[in-house]
Amino acid sequence: MIAFILITTKNGKEKETAKTLRKIPEVKEAYILYGDYDVIAKVEVENLQRLNELRNEILKENKGILYTETLICAR
């Protein structure tokens, strides 16, 4: 399953957040954005349960994250 996680961070935390995300094996890509969101991460997981666990891990480990929105890709 492929999903994109859109992330809003505290001011100045976008680079740190993207760098931290790139270290997670399920995160295949992470980019800093200009616009309504600060970072986008492409993730690949086995199932919806793992996606939820991963999102919770990301939120716990990154204190600079204010908000996330997860988009699950349909094939």
C-alpha atoms as a PDB file:
ATOM      1  CA  MET A   1       0.000   0.000   0.000  1.00  0.00           C
ATOM      2  CA  ILE A   2       1.314   3.436  -0.943  1.00  0.00           C
ATOM      3  CA  ALA A   3       0.281   6.587   0.883  1.00  0.00           C
ATOM      4  CA  PHE A   4       1.361  10.201   1.057  1.00  0.00           C
ATOM      5  CA  ILE A   5       1.545  11.998   4.376  1.00  0.00           C
ATOM      6  CA  LEU A   6       1.177  15.768   4.186  1.00  0.00           C
ATOM      7  CA  ILE A   7       2.756  17.493   7.174  1.00  0.00           C
ATOM      8  CA  THR A   8       2.529  20.949   8.708  1.00  0.00           C
ATOM      9  CA  THR A   9       5.443  21.765  11.019  1.00  0.00           C
ATOM     10  CA  LYS A  10       6.354  24.491  13.474  1.00  0.00           C
ATOM     11  CA  ASN A  11       8.236  27.361  11.823  1.00  0.00           C
ATOM     12  CA  GLY A  12      11.764  26.329  10.856  1.00  0.00           C
ATOM     13  CA  LYS A  13      11.263  22.590  11.519  1.00  0.00           C
ATOM     14  CA  GLU A  14      10.637  21.440   7.935  1.00  0.00           C
ATOM     15  CA  LYS A  15      14.254  20.490   7.106  1.00  0.00           C
ATOM     16  CA  GLU A  16      14.708  18.587  10.360  1.00  0.00           C
ATOM     17  CA  THR A  17      11.392  16.784   9.878  1.00  0.00           C
ATOM     18  CA  ALA A  18      12.177  15.735   6.286  1.00  0.00           C
ATOM     19  CA  LYS A  19      15.652  14.544   7.306  1.00  0.00           C
ATOM     20  CA  THR A  20      14.237  12.459  10.168  1.00  0.00           C
ATOM     21  CA  LEU A  21      11.558  10.940   7.942  1.00  0.00           C
ATOM     22  CA  ARG A  22      14.121   9.822   5.342  1.00  0.00           C
ATOM     23  CA  LYS A  23      15.708   7.554   7.982  1.00  0.00           C
ATOM     24  CA  ILE A  24      12.519   5.480   8.354  1.00  0.00           C
ATOM     25  CA  PRO A  25      12.592   2.383   6.078  1.00  0.00           C
ATOM     26  CA  GLU A  26       8.926   2.681   5.019  1.00  0.00           C
ATOM     27  CA  VAL A  27       9.435   6.309   3.946  1.00  0.00           C
ATOM     28  CA  LYS A  28      10.524   6.075   0.327  1.00  0.00           C
ATOM     29  CA  GLU A  29      10.730   9.839  -0.307  1.00  0.00           C
ATOM     30  CA  ALA A  30      10.348  13.030   1.731  1.00  0.00           C
ATOM     31  CA  TYR A  31      10.356  16.573   0.365  1.00  0.00           C
ATOM     32  CA  ILE A  32       9.997  20.090   1.720  1.00  0.00           C
ATOM     33  CA  LEU A  33       7.033  21.920   0.176  1.00  0.00           C
ATOM     34  CA  TYR A  34       5.953  25.503  -0.419  1.00  0.00           C
ATOM     35  CA  GLY A  35       2.261  26.067   0.204  1.00  0.00           C
ATOM     36  CA  ASP A  36      -0.285  24.904   2.745  1.00  0.00           C
ATOM     37  CA  TYR A  37       1.906  21.994   3.900  1.00  0.00           C
ATOM     38  CA  ASP A  38       5.604  21.992   4.795  1.00  0.00           C
ATOM     39  CA  VAL A  39       6.657  18.382   4.083  1.00  0.00           C
ATOM     40  CA  ILE A  40       5.330  15.484   2.034  1.00  0.00           C
ATOM     41  CA  ALA A  41       6.378  11.879   2.637  1.00  0.00           C
ATOM     42  CA  LYS A  42       5.710   8.945   0.327  1.00  0.00           C
ATOM     43  CA  VAL A  43       5.371   5.775   2.375  1.00  0.00           C
ATOM     44  CA  GLU A  44       4.991   2.126   1.447  1.00  0.00           C
ATOM     45  CA  VAL A  45       3.500  -0.239   4.027  1.00  0.00           C
ATOM     46  CA  GLU A  46       1.960  -3.718   4.141  1.00  0.00           C
ATOM     47  CA  ASN A  47      -1.484  -2.726   5.386  1.00  0.00           C
ATOM     48  CA  LEU A  48      -3.666  -0.057   6.968  1.00  0.00           C
ATOM     49  CA  GLN A  49      -2.722  -1.124  10.497  1.00  0.00           C
ATOM     50  CA  ARG A  50       0.983  -0.574   9.766  1.00  0.00           C
ATOM     51  CA  LEU A  51       0.208   2.797   8.164  1.00  0.00           C
ATOM     52  CA  ASN A  52      -1.548   3.885  11.354  1.00  0.00           C
ATOM     53  CA  GLU A  53       1.349   2.644  13.507  1.00  0.00           C
ATOM     54  CA  LEU A  54       3.852   4.438  11.282  1.00  0.00           C
ATOM     55  CA  ARG A  55       1.920   7.704  11.439  1.00  0.00           C
ATOM     56  CA  ASN A  56       1.808   7.470  15.234  1.00  0.00           C
ATOM     57  CA  GLU A  57       5.572   6.773  15.349  1.00  0.00           C
ATOM     58  CA  ILE A  58       6.247   9.789  13.132  1.00  0.00           C
ATOM     59  CA  LEU A  59       4.172  12.042  15.379  1.00  0.00           C
ATOM     60  CA  LYS A  60       5.880  10.789  18.563  1.00  0.00           C
ATOM     61  CA  GLU A  61       9.422  11.167  17.213  1.00  0.00           C
ATOM     62  CA  ASN A  62       8.972  14.601  15.608  1.00  0.00           C
ATOM     63  CA  LYS A  63       7.988  17.208  18.160  1.00  0.00           C
ATOM     64  CA  GLY A  64       7.996  19.871  15.422  1.00  0.00           C
ATOM     65  CA  ILE A  65       4.926  18.422  13.663  1.00  0.00           C
ATOM     66  CA  LEU A  66       1.666  20.302  14.184  1.00  0.00           C
ATOM     67  CA  TYR A  67      -0.680  18.487  11.788  1.00  0.00           C
ATOM     68  CA  THR A  68      -0.739  15.590   9.323  1.00  0.00           C
ATOM     69  CA  GLU A  69      -3.091  14.474   6.599  1.00  0.00           C
ATOM     70  CA  THR A  70      -2.741  10.998   5.122  1.00  0.00           C
ATOM     71  CA  LEU A  71      -3.731  10.217   1.530  1.00  0.00           C
ATOM     72  CA  ILE A  72      -3.997   6.517   0.636  1.00  0.00           C
ATOM     73  CA  CYS A  73      -3.382   5.741  -3.030  1.00  0.00           C
ATOM     74  CA  ALA A  74      -5.828   3.599  -5.000  1.00  0.00           C
ATOM     75  CA  ARG A  75      -4.443   1.279  -7.640  1.00  0.00           C
END
